Amino acid sequence: MNEFNLSKLNARVGDNCVFVSNLAVRYQSAATPEERMAMAIKMENAATMLRIAAERLATETKNVYEGGSNEES
C-alpha cells in the first residue's frame, strides 16, 4: 500500500465518522421506540465498520511508514 491508498482509507474513516454522527442525530430525533431501536442497530453496524476501517488504517500506516524508515536505516 502507498500513501495515496492511505489517503483514500483515511477519507473512508472520515466518511464513516460523519455517517455515525448523522445516525446519532437521527436516533435523538426518533419519535418511537421502534425507530430508536432501528437507529441503534444501524449505529452499531456503522460503528463496527468504522472500527474495522480505523484498525486497517492504523495497520497500513504503520506498514508504510515503518517500511520506509527501515529502508533508510
PDB file of N, CA and C in Angstrom:
ATOM      1  N   MET A   1       0.855  -1.176   0.000  1.00  0.00           N
ATOM      2  CA  MET A   1       0.000   0.000   0.000  1.00  0.00           C
ATOM      3  C   MET A   1       0.897   1.233   0.000  1.00  0.00           C
ATOM      4  N   ASN A   2       0.462   2.280  -0.679  1.00  0.00           N
ATOM      5  CA  ASN A   2       1.243   3.506  -0.726  1.00  0.00           C
ATOM      6  C   ASN A   2       0.479   4.652  -0.048  1.00  0.00           C
ATOM      7  N   GLU A   3       1.092   5.819  -0.033  1.00  0.00           N
ATOM      8  CA  GLU A   3       0.493   6.966   0.656  1.00  0.00           C
ATOM      9  C   GLU A   3      -0.832   7.388   0.031  1.00  0.00           C
ATOM     10  N   PHE A   4      -0.984   7.244  -1.278  1.00  0.00           N
ATOM     11  CA  PHE A   4      -2.252   7.598  -1.924  1.00  0.00           C
ATOM     12  C   PHE A   4      -3.374   6.699  -1.412  1.00  0.00           C
ATOM     13  N   ASN A   5      -3.113   5.405  -1.310  1.00  0.00           N
ATOM     14  CA  ASN A   5      -4.117   4.486  -0.786  1.00  0.00           C
ATOM     15  C   ASN A   5      -4.417   4.766   0.676  1.00  0.00           C
ATOM     16  N   LEU A   6      -3.410   5.176   1.432  1.00  0.00           N
ATOM     17  CA  LEU A   6      -3.645   5.565   2.826  1.00  0.00           C
ATOM     18  C   LEU A   6      -4.580   6.766   2.890  1.00  0.00           C
ATOM     19  N   SER A   7      -4.405   7.688   1.973  1.00  0.00           N
ATOM     20  CA  SER A   7      -5.271   8.864   1.930  1.00  0.00           C
ATOM     21  C   SER A   7      -6.716   8.464   1.657  1.00  0.00           C
ATOM     22  N   LYS A   8      -6.904   7.527   0.732  1.00  0.00           N
ATOM     23  CA  LYS A   8      -8.260   7.052   0.433  1.00  0.00           C
ATOM     24  C   LYS A   8      -8.858   6.338   1.648  1.00  0.00           C
ATOM     25  N   LEU A   9      -8.054   5.532   2.321  1.00  0.00           N
ATOM     26  CA  LEU A   9      -8.532   4.832   3.513  1.00  0.00           C
ATOM     27  C   LEU A   9      -8.856   5.821   4.629  1.00  0.00           C
ATOM     28  N   ASN A  10      -8.050   6.859   4.755  1.00  0.00           N
ATOM     29  CA  ASN A  10      -8.309   7.895   5.751  1.00  0.00           C
ATOM     30  C   ASN A  10      -9.621   8.612   5.451  1.00  0.00           C
ATOM     31  N   ALA A  11      -9.883   8.873   4.174  1.00  0.00           N
ATOM     32  CA  ALA A  11     -11.139   9.515   3.780  1.00  0.00           C
ATOM     33  C   ALA A  11     -12.327   8.620   4.123  1.00  0.00           C
ATOM     34  N   ARG A  12     -12.160   7.313   3.937  1.00  0.00           N
ATOM     35  CA  ARG A  12     -13.236   6.374   4.274  1.00  0.00           C
ATOM     36  C   ARG A  12     -13.527   6.399   5.779  1.00  0.00           C
ATOM     37  N   VAL A  13     -12.480   6.475   6.592  1.00  0.00           N
ATOM     38  CA  VAL A  13     -12.670   6.565   8.042  1.00  0.00           C
ATOM     39  C   VAL A  13     -13.428   7.844   8.379  1.00  0.00           C
ATOM     40  N   GLY A  14     -13.047   8.956   7.756  1.00  0.00           N
ATOM     41  CA  GLY A  14     -13.746  10.226   7.989  1.00  0.00           C
ATOM     42  C   GLY A  14     -15.204  10.163   7.576  1.00  0.00           C
ATOM     43  N   ASP A  15     -15.466   9.553   6.431  1.00  0.00           N
ATOM     44  CA  ASP A  15     -16.850   9.397   5.967  1.00  0.00           C
ATOM     45  C   ASP A  15     -17.665   8.552   6.942  1.00  0.00           C
ATOM     46  N   ASN A  16     -17.052   7.480   7.456  1.00  0.00           N
ATOM     47  CA  ASN A  16     -17.750   6.641   8.426  1.00  0.00           C
ATOM     48  C   ASN A  16     -18.060   7.402   9.709  1.00  0.00           C
ATOM     49  N   CYS A  17     -17.145   8.279  10.116  1.00  0.00           N
ATOM     50  CA  CYS A  17     -17.384   9.108  11.309  1.00  0.00           C
ATOM     51  C   CYS A  17     -18.604  10.004  11.102  1.00  0.00           C
ATOM     52  N   VAL A  18     -18.662  10.636   9.937  1.00  0.00           N
ATOM     53  CA  VAL A  18     -19.794  11.512   9.626  1.00  0.00           C
ATOM     54  C   VAL A  18     -21.094  10.705   9.594  1.00  0.00           C
ATOM     55  N   PHE A  19     -21.046   9.505   9.023  1.00  0.00           N
ATOM     56  CA  PHE A  19     -22.234   8.654   8.939  1.00  0.00           C
ATOM     57  C   PHE A  19     -22.733   8.279  10.332  1.00  0.00           C
ATOM     58  N   VAL A  20     -21.824   7.891  11.228  1.00  0.00           N
ATOM     59  CA  VAL A  20     -22.216   7.541  12.597  1.00  0.00           C
ATOM     60  C   VAL A  20     -22.800   8.765  13.289  1.00  0.00           C
ATOM     61  N   SER A  21     -22.204   9.912  13.073  1.00  0.00           N
ATOM     62  CA  SER A  21     -22.713  11.145  13.673  1.00  0.00           C
ATOM     63  C   SER A  21     -24.127  11.454  13.193  1.00  0.00           C
ATOM     64  N   ASN A  22     -24.357  11.302  11.891  1.00  0.00           N
ATOM     65  CA  ASN A  22     -25.699  11.544  11.348  1.00  0.00           C
ATOM     66  C   ASN A  22     -26.717  10.557  11.916  1.00  0.00           C
ATOM     67  N   LEU A  23     -26.321   9.313  12.081  1.00  0.00           N
ATOM     68  CA  LEU A  23     -27.221   8.328  12.685  1.00  0.00           C
ATOM     69  C   LEU A  23     -27.544   8.696  14.132  1.00  0.00           C
ATOM     70  N   ALA A  24     -26.566   9.232  14.850  1.00  0.00           N
ATOM     71  CA  ALA A  24     -26.804   9.650  16.233  1.00  0.00           C
ATOM     72  C   ALA A  24     -27.833  10.774  16.299  1.00  0.00           C
ATOM     73  N   VAL A  25     -27.750  11.702  15.365  1.00  0.00           N
ATOM     74  CA  VAL A  25     -28.734  12.790  15.310  1.00  0.00           C
ATOM     75  C   VAL A  25     -30.119  12.229  15.007  1.00  0.00           C
ATOM     76  N   ARG A  26     -30.179  11.304  14.062  1.00  0.00           N
ATOM     77  CA  ARG A  26     -31.462  10.671  13.723  1.00  0.00           C
ATOM     78  C   ARG A  26     -32.005   9.881  14.910  1.00  0.00           C
ATOM     79  N   TYR A  27     -31.128   9.240  15.674  1.00  0.00           N
ATOM     80  CA  TYR A  27     -31.547   8.497  16.862  1.00  0.00           C
ATOM     81  C   TYR A  27     -32.200   9.437  17.874  1.00  0.00           C
ATOM     82  N   GLN A  28     -31.577  10.584  18.077  1.00  0.00           N
ATOM     83  CA  GLN A  28     -32.098  11.550  19.049  1.00  0.00           C
ATOM     84  C   GLN A  28     -33.451  12.097  18.645  1.00  0.00           C
ATOM     85  N   SER A  29     -33.709  12.174  17.348  1.00  0.00           N
ATOM     86  CA  SER A  29     -34.971  12.742  16.900  1.00  0.00           C
ATOM     87  C   SER A  29     -36.028  11.677  16.606  1.00  0.00           C
ATOM     88  N   ALA A  30     -35.694  10.410  16.849  1.00  0.00           N
ATOM     89  CA  ALA A  30     -36.661   9.334  16.605  1.00  0.00           C
ATOM     90  C   ALA A  30     -37.856   9.487  17.544  1.00  0.00           C
ATOM     91  N   ALA A  31     -39.044   9.296  16.983  1.00  0.00           N
ATOM     92  CA  ALA A  31     -40.266   9.535  17.741  1.00  0.00           C
ATOM     93  C   ALA A  31     -40.746   8.304  18.505  1.00  0.00           C
ATOM     94  N   THR A  32     -40.462   7.129  17.999  1.00  0.00           N
ATOM     95  CA  THR A  32     -40.994   5.920  18.628  1.00  0.00           C
ATOM     96  C   THR A  32     -39.858   5.004  19.079  1.00  0.00           C
ATOM     97  N   PRO A  33     -40.149   4.128  20.023  1.00  0.00           N
ATOM     98  CA  PRO A  33     -39.126   3.167  20.450  1.00  0.00           C
ATOM     99  C   PRO A  33     -38.633   2.291  19.294  1.00  0.00           C
ATOM    100  N   GLU A  34     -39.517   1.971  18.358  1.00  0.00           N
ATOM    101  CA  GLU A  34     -39.112   1.159  17.211  1.00  0.00           C
ATOM    102  C   GLU A  34     -38.102   1.895  16.343  1.00  0.00           C
ATOM    103  N   GLU A  35     -38.346   3.190  16.128  1.00  0.00           N
ATOM    104  CA  GLU A  35     -37.401   3.989  15.344  1.00  0.00           C
ATOM    105  C   GLU A  35     -36.057   4.094  16.057  1.00  0.00           C
ATOM    106  N   ARG A  36     -36.110   4.260  17.369  1.00  0.00           N
ATOM    107  CA  ARG A  36     -34.870   4.352  18.144  1.00  0.00           C
ATOM    108  C   ARG A  36     -34.084   3.048  18.055  1.00  0.00           C
ATOM    109  N   MET A  37     -34.798   1.924  18.133  1.00  0.00           N
ATOM    110  CA  MET A  37     -34.128   0.628  18.047  1.00  0.00           C
ATOM    111  C   MET A  37     -33.501   0.449  16.668  1.00  0.00           C
ATOM    112  N   ALA A  38     -34.222   0.824  15.632  1.00  0.00           N
ATOM    113  CA  ALA A  38     -33.685   0.712  14.268  1.00  0.00           C
ATOM    114  C   ALA A  38     -32.428   1.570  14.115  1.00  0.00           C
ATOM    115  N   MET A  39     -32.453   2.784  14.647  1.00  0.00           N
ATOM    116  CA  MET A  39     -31.285   3.666  14.558  1.00  0.00           C
ATOM    117  C   MET A  39     -30.129   3.112  15.393  1.00  0.00           C
ATOM    118  N   ALA A  40     -30.453   2.530  16.537  1.00  0.00           N
ATOM    119  CA  ALA A  40     -29.403   1.956  17.390  1.00  0.00           C
ATOM    120  C   ALA A  40     -28.701   0.805  16.669  1.00  0.00           C
ATOM    121  N   ILE A  41     -29.466  -0.024  15.991  1.00  0.00           N
ATOM    122  CA  ILE A  41     -28.882  -1.136  15.235  1.00  0.00           C
ATOM    123  C   ILE A  41     -28.008  -0.611  14.106  1.00  0.00           C
ATOM    124  N   LYS A  42     -28.501   0.402  13.399  1.00  0.00           N
ATOM    125  CA  LYS A  42     -27.710   0.992  12.306  1.00  0.00           C
ATOM    126  C   LYS A  42     -26.430   1.626  12.842  1.00  0.00           C
ATOM    127  N   MET A  43     -26.530   2.299  14.005  1.00  0.00           N
ATOM    128  CA  MET A  43     -25.336   2.913  14.597  1.00  0.00           C
ATOM    129  C   MET A  43     -24.332   1.848  15.008  1.00  0.00           C
ATOM    130  N   GLU A  44     -24.811   0.751  15.568  1.00  0.00           N
ATOM    131  CA  GLU A  44     -23.907  -0.321  15.970  1.00  0.00           C
ATOM    132  C   GLU A  44     -23.167  -0.891  14.761  1.00  0.00           C
ATOM    133  N   ASN A  45     -23.895  -1.134  13.680  1.00  0.00           N
ATOM    134  CA  ASN A  45     -23.271  -1.651  12.464  1.00  0.00           C
ATOM    135  C   ASN A  45     -22.273  -0.655  11.878  1.00  0.00           C
ATOM    136  N   ALA A  46     -22.657   0.610  11.843  1.00  0.00           N
ATOM    137  CA  ALA A  46     -21.768   1.644  11.303  1.00  0.00           C
ATOM    138  C   ALA A  46     -20.526   1.806  12.182  1.00  0.00           C
ATOM    139  N   ALA A  47     -20.704   1.718  13.495  1.00  0.00           N
ATOM    140  CA  ALA A  47     -19.560   1.829  14.405  1.00  0.00           C
ATOM    141  C   ALA A  47     -18.600   0.661  14.219  1.00  0.00           C
ATOM    142  N   THR A  48     -19.133  -0.512  13.961  1.00  0.00           N
ATOM    143  CA  THR A  48     -18.279  -1.672  13.692  1.00  0.00           C
ATOM    144  C   THR A  48     -17.473  -1.457  12.418  1.00  0.00           C
ATOM    145  N   MET A  49     -18.132  -0.957  11.381  1.00  0.00           N
ATOM    146  CA  MET A  49     -17.424  -0.679  10.125  1.00  0.00           C
ATOM    147  C   MET A  49     -16.355   0.398  10.334  1.00  0.00           C
ATOM    148  N   LEU A  50     -16.661   1.393  11.142  1.00  0.00           N
ATOM    149  CA  LEU A  50     -15.692   2.448  11.448  1.00  0.00           C
ATOM    150  C   LEU A  50     -14.485   1.862  12.178  1.00  0.00           C
ATOM    151  N   ARG A  51     -14.740   1.002  13.147  1.00  0.00           N
ATOM    152  CA  ARG A  51     -13.649   0.382  13.899  1.00  0.00           C
ATOM    153  C   ARG A  51     -12.746  -0.431  12.979  1.00  0.00           C
ATOM    154  N   ILE A  52     -13.346  -1.213  12.092  1.00  0.00           N
ATOM    155  CA  ILE A  52     -12.571  -2.030  11.165  1.00  0.00           C
ATOM    156  C   ILE A  52     -11.716  -1.160  10.241  1.00  0.00           C
ATOM    157  N   ALA A  53     -12.322  -0.106   9.704  1.00  0.00           N
ATOM    158  CA  ALA A  53     -11.583   0.797   8.805  1.00  0.00           C
ATOM    159  C   ALA A  53     -10.457   1.506   9.553  1.00  0.00           C
ATOM    160  N   ALA A  54     -10.717   1.924  10.793  1.00  0.00           N
ATOM    161  CA  ALA A  54      -9.693   2.619  11.579  1.00  0.00           C
ATOM    162  C   ALA A  54      -8.542   1.677  11.921  1.00  0.00           C
ATOM    163  N   GLU A  55      -8.855   0.429  12.254  1.00  0.00           N
ATOM    164  CA  GLU A  55      -7.796  -0.541  12.532  1.00  0.00           C
ATOM    165  C   GLU A  55      -6.962  -0.813  11.284  1.00  0.00           C
ATOM    166  N   ARG A  56      -7.628  -0.913  10.156  1.00  0.00           N
ATOM    167  CA  ARG A  56      -6.892  -1.136   8.898  1.00  0.00           C
ATOM    168  C   ARG A  56      -6.003   0.065   8.584  1.00  0.00           C
ATOM    169  N   LEU A  57      -6.542   1.271   8.771  1.00  0.00           N
ATOM    170  CA  LEU A  57      -5.749   2.479   8.540  1.00  0.00           C
ATOM    171  C   LEU A  57      -4.513   2.492   9.434  1.00  0.00           C
ATOM    172  N   ALA A  58      -4.700   2.155  10.697  1.00  0.00           N
ATOM    173  CA  ALA A  58      -3.564   2.146  11.626  1.00  0.00           C
ATOM    174  C   ALA A  58      -2.518   1.127  11.201  1.00  0.00           C
ATOM    175  N   THR A  59      -2.956  -0.066  10.848  1.00  0.00           N
ATOM    176  CA  THR A  59      -2.029  -1.118  10.439  1.00  0.00           C
ATOM    177  C   THR A  59      -1.291  -0.740   9.167  1.00  0.00           C
ATOM    178  N   GLU A  60      -2.033  -0.261   8.170  1.00  0.00           N
ATOM    179  CA  GLU A  60      -1.400   0.085   6.893  1.00  0.00           C
ATOM    180  C   GLU A  60      -0.472   1.286   7.041  1.00  0.00           C
ATOM    181  N   THR A  61      -0.848   2.250   7.876  1.00  0.00           N
ATOM    182  CA  THR A  61       0.020   3.407   8.117  1.00  0.00           C
ATOM    183  C   THR A  61       1.335   2.948   8.734  1.00  0.00           C
ATOM    184  N   LYS A  62       1.214   2.065   9.716  1.00  0.00           N
ATOM    185  CA  LYS A  62       2.411   1.524  10.358  1.00  0.00           C
ATOM    186  C   LYS A  62       3.285   0.808   9.339  1.00  0.00           C
ATOM    187  N   ASN A  63       2.661  -0.008   8.491  1.00  0.00           N
ATOM    188  CA  ASN A  63       3.426  -0.756   7.482  1.00  0.00           C
ATOM    189  C   ASN A  63       4.122   0.173   6.496  1.00  0.00           C
ATOM    190  N   VAL A  64       3.420   1.208   6.028  1.00  0.00           N
ATOM    191  CA  VAL A  64       4.004   2.113   5.045  1.00  0.00           C
ATOM    192  C   VAL A  64       5.163   2.899   5.651  1.00  0.00           C
ATOM    193  N   TYR A  65       4.952   3.466   6.831  1.00  0.00           N
ATOM    194  CA  TYR A  65       5.985   4.346   7.380  1.00  0.00           C
ATOM    195  C   TYR A  65       7.092   3.601   8.100  1.00  0.00           C
ATOM    196  N   GLU A  66       6.795   2.461   8.703  1.00  0.00           N
ATOM    197  CA  GLU A  66       7.877   1.666   9.288  1.00  0.00           C
ATOM    198  C   GLU A  66       8.744   1.082   8.201  1.00  0.00           C
ATOM    199  N   GLY A  67       8.081   0.612   7.109  1.00  0.00           N
ATOM    200  CA  GLY A  67       8.843   0.061   5.995  1.00  0.00           C
ATOM    201  C   GLY A  67       9.781   1.085   5.409  1.00  0.00           C
ATOM    202  N   GLY A  68       9.299   2.330   5.280  1.00  0.00           N
ATOM    203  CA  GLY A  68      10.125   3.398   4.720  1.00  0.00           C
ATOM    204  C   GLY A  68      11.279   3.753   5.632  1.00  0.00           C
ATOM    205  N   SER A  69      11.039   3.785   6.942  1.00  0.00           N
ATOM    206  CA  SER A  69      12.110   4.161   7.857  1.00  0.00           C
ATOM    207  C   SER A  69      13.124   3.051   8.008  1.00  0.00           C
ATOM    208  N   ASN A  70      12.705   1.765   7.885  1.00  0.00           N
ATOM    209  CA  ASN A  70      13.643   0.661   7.951  1.00  0.00           C
ATOM    210  C   ASN A  70      14.558   0.639   6.744  1.00  0.00           C
ATOM    211  N   GLU A  71      14.041   1.026   5.578  1.00  0.00           N
ATOM    212  CA  GLU A  71      14.855   1.045   4.379  1.00  0.00           C
ATOM    213  C   GLU A  71      15.916   2.122   4.435  1.00  0.00           C
ATOM    214  N   GLU A  72      15.629   3.222   5.144  1.00  0.00           N
ATOM    215  CA  GLU A  72      16.589   4.324   5.242  1.00  0.00           C
ATOM    216  C   GLU A  72      17.705   4.023   6.220  1.00  0.00           C
ATOM    217  N   SER A  73      17.447   3.153   7.191  1.00  0.00           N
ATOM    218  CA  SER A  73      18.458   2.851   8.222  1.00  0.00           C
ATOM    219  C   SER A  73      19.586   2.021   7.696  1.00  0.00           C
TER     220      SER A  73
END
